[in-house]
């Protein structure tokens, strides 16, 4: 089993500061990398299908709370 990274709460809080409609933010628990997915209907930009599949199937990503979850 791969080792999961330790994160600073401050880093997660900073990432939550850019929360807005049409955006989902994930934390990769193996690398500590934050991934932002923007609704393609809003942005007009298609998301990386390979990344979306990895997020959905790997179990290595945690969805961060939305602004509605926080407030």
C-alpha atoms as a PDB file:
ATOM      1  CA  UNK A   1       0.000   0.000   0.000  1.00  0.00           C
ATOM      2  CA  UNK A   2       1.354   3.412  -0.959  1.00  0.00           C
ATOM      3  CA  UNK A   3       2.081   5.965   1.733  1.00  0.00           C
ATOM      4  CA  UNK A   4      -0.335   8.874   2.019  1.00  0.00           C
ATOM      5  CA  UNK A   5       1.042  12.383   2.451  1.00  0.00           C
ATOM      6  CA  UNK A   6       0.591  14.654   5.436  1.00  0.00           C
ATOM      7  CA  UNK A   7      -0.994  18.022   4.671  1.00  0.00           C
ATOM      8  CA  UNK A   8      -0.967  21.320   6.495  1.00  0.00           C
ATOM      9  CA  UNK A   9      -4.428  22.579   7.360  1.00  0.00           C
ATOM     10  CA  UNK A  10      -3.311  26.026   6.161  1.00  0.00           C
ATOM     11  CA  UNK A  11      -2.679  24.647   2.648  1.00  0.00           C
ATOM     12  CA  UNK A  12      -6.165  23.149   2.504  1.00  0.00           C
ATOM     13  CA  UNK A  13      -7.727  26.372   3.846  1.00  0.00           C
ATOM     14  CA  UNK A  14      -5.895  28.393   1.182  1.00  0.00           C
ATOM     15  CA  UNK A  15      -7.227  26.104  -1.528  1.00  0.00           C
ATOM     16  CA  UNK A  16     -10.767  26.474  -0.178  1.00  0.00           C
ATOM     17  CA  UNK A  17     -10.388  30.240  -0.514  1.00  0.00           C
ATOM     18  CA  UNK A  18     -10.752  29.960  -4.292  1.00  0.00           C
ATOM     19  CA  UNK A  19     -14.025  28.029  -4.098  1.00  0.00           C
ATOM     20  CA  UNK A  20     -16.757  29.186  -6.504  1.00  0.00           C
ATOM     21  CA  UNK A  21     -19.738  27.899  -8.484  1.00  0.00           C
ATOM     22  CA  UNK A  22     -18.974  25.321 -11.137  1.00  0.00           C
ATOM     23  CA  UNK A  23     -15.691  24.313  -9.529  1.00  0.00           C
ATOM     24  CA  UNK A  24     -14.800  21.078  -7.760  1.00  0.00           C
ATOM     25  CA  UNK A  25     -11.518  20.793  -5.912  1.00  0.00           C
ATOM     26  CA  UNK A  26      -9.835  17.527  -5.036  1.00  0.00           C
ATOM     27  CA  UNK A  27      -6.845  16.595  -2.936  1.00  0.00           C
ATOM     28  CA  UNK A  28      -4.709  13.731  -4.158  1.00  0.00           C
ATOM     29  CA  UNK A  29      -3.947  11.941  -0.900  1.00  0.00           C
ATOM     30  CA  UNK A  30      -0.903  10.195  -2.379  1.00  0.00           C
ATOM     31  CA  UNK A  31       0.897  13.256  -3.769  1.00  0.00           C
ATOM     32  CA  UNK A  32      -0.597  16.196  -1.848  1.00  0.00           C
ATOM     33  CA  UNK A  33      -1.485  17.827  -5.162  1.00  0.00           C
ATOM     34  CA  UNK A  34      -4.664  19.873  -5.439  1.00  0.00           C
ATOM     35  CA  UNK A  35      -6.703  19.376  -8.605  1.00  0.00           C
ATOM     36  CA  UNK A  36      -9.361  21.841  -9.733  1.00  0.00           C
ATOM     37  CA  UNK A  37     -12.106  20.704 -12.100  1.00  0.00           C
ATOM     38  CA  UNK A  38     -14.125  23.476 -13.734  1.00  0.00           C
ATOM     39  CA  UNK A  39     -17.545  22.750 -15.211  1.00  0.00           C
ATOM     40  CA  UNK A  40     -16.968  22.736 -18.975  1.00  0.00           C
ATOM     41  CA  UNK A  41     -20.408  24.298 -19.545  1.00  0.00           C
ATOM     42  CA  UNK A  42     -19.203  27.348 -17.620  1.00  0.00           C
ATOM     43  CA  UNK A  43     -15.588  27.497 -18.786  1.00  0.00           C
ATOM     44  CA  UNK A  44     -16.006  26.274 -22.348  1.00  0.00           C
ATOM     45  CA  UNK A  45     -12.884  24.162 -21.800  1.00  0.00           C
ATOM     46  CA  UNK A  46     -13.038  20.381 -21.793  1.00  0.00           C
ATOM     47  CA  UNK A  47     -11.520  18.643 -18.780  1.00  0.00           C
ATOM     48  CA  UNK A  48      -8.892  15.920 -19.097  1.00  0.00           C
ATOM     49  CA  UNK A  49     -10.874  12.671 -19.383  1.00  0.00           C
ATOM     50  CA  UNK A  50      -7.966  10.572 -18.094  1.00  0.00           C
ATOM     51  CA  UNK A  51      -7.748  12.732 -14.971  1.00  0.00           C
ATOM     52  CA  UNK A  52     -11.522  12.559 -14.442  1.00  0.00           C
ATOM     53  CA  UNK A  53     -11.403   8.756 -14.721  1.00  0.00           C
ATOM     54  CA  UNK A  54      -8.494   8.619 -12.267  1.00  0.00           C
ATOM     55  CA  UNK A  55     -10.401  10.778  -9.776  1.00  0.00           C
ATOM     56  CA  UNK A  56     -13.489   8.584 -10.093  1.00  0.00           C
ATOM     57  CA  UNK A  57     -11.799   5.214  -9.899  1.00  0.00           C
ATOM     58  CA  UNK A  58      -8.477   5.385  -8.048  1.00  0.00           C
ATOM     59  CA  UNK A  59      -9.629   6.202  -4.532  1.00  0.00           C
ATOM     60  CA  UNK A  60      -6.663   8.583  -4.219  1.00  0.00           C
ATOM     61  CA  UNK A  61      -8.705  11.782  -4.385  1.00  0.00           C
ATOM     62  CA  UNK A  62     -10.811  13.466  -1.729  1.00  0.00           C
ATOM     63  CA  UNK A  63     -13.396  16.033  -2.791  1.00  0.00           C
ATOM     64  CA  UNK A  64     -12.927  19.234  -0.811  1.00  0.00           C
ATOM     65  CA  UNK A  65     -16.064  20.894   0.568  1.00  0.00           C
ATOM     66  CA  UNK A  66     -17.854  23.417  -1.636  1.00  0.00           C
ATOM     67  CA  UNK A  67     -18.611  26.955  -0.526  1.00  0.00           C
ATOM     68  CA  UNK A  68     -22.129  25.734   0.322  1.00  0.00           C
ATOM     69  CA  UNK A  69     -20.712  23.048   2.610  1.00  0.00           C
ATOM     70  CA  UNK A  70     -18.569  25.615   4.404  1.00  0.00           C
ATOM     71  CA  UNK A  71     -21.075  28.443   4.869  1.00  0.00           C
END
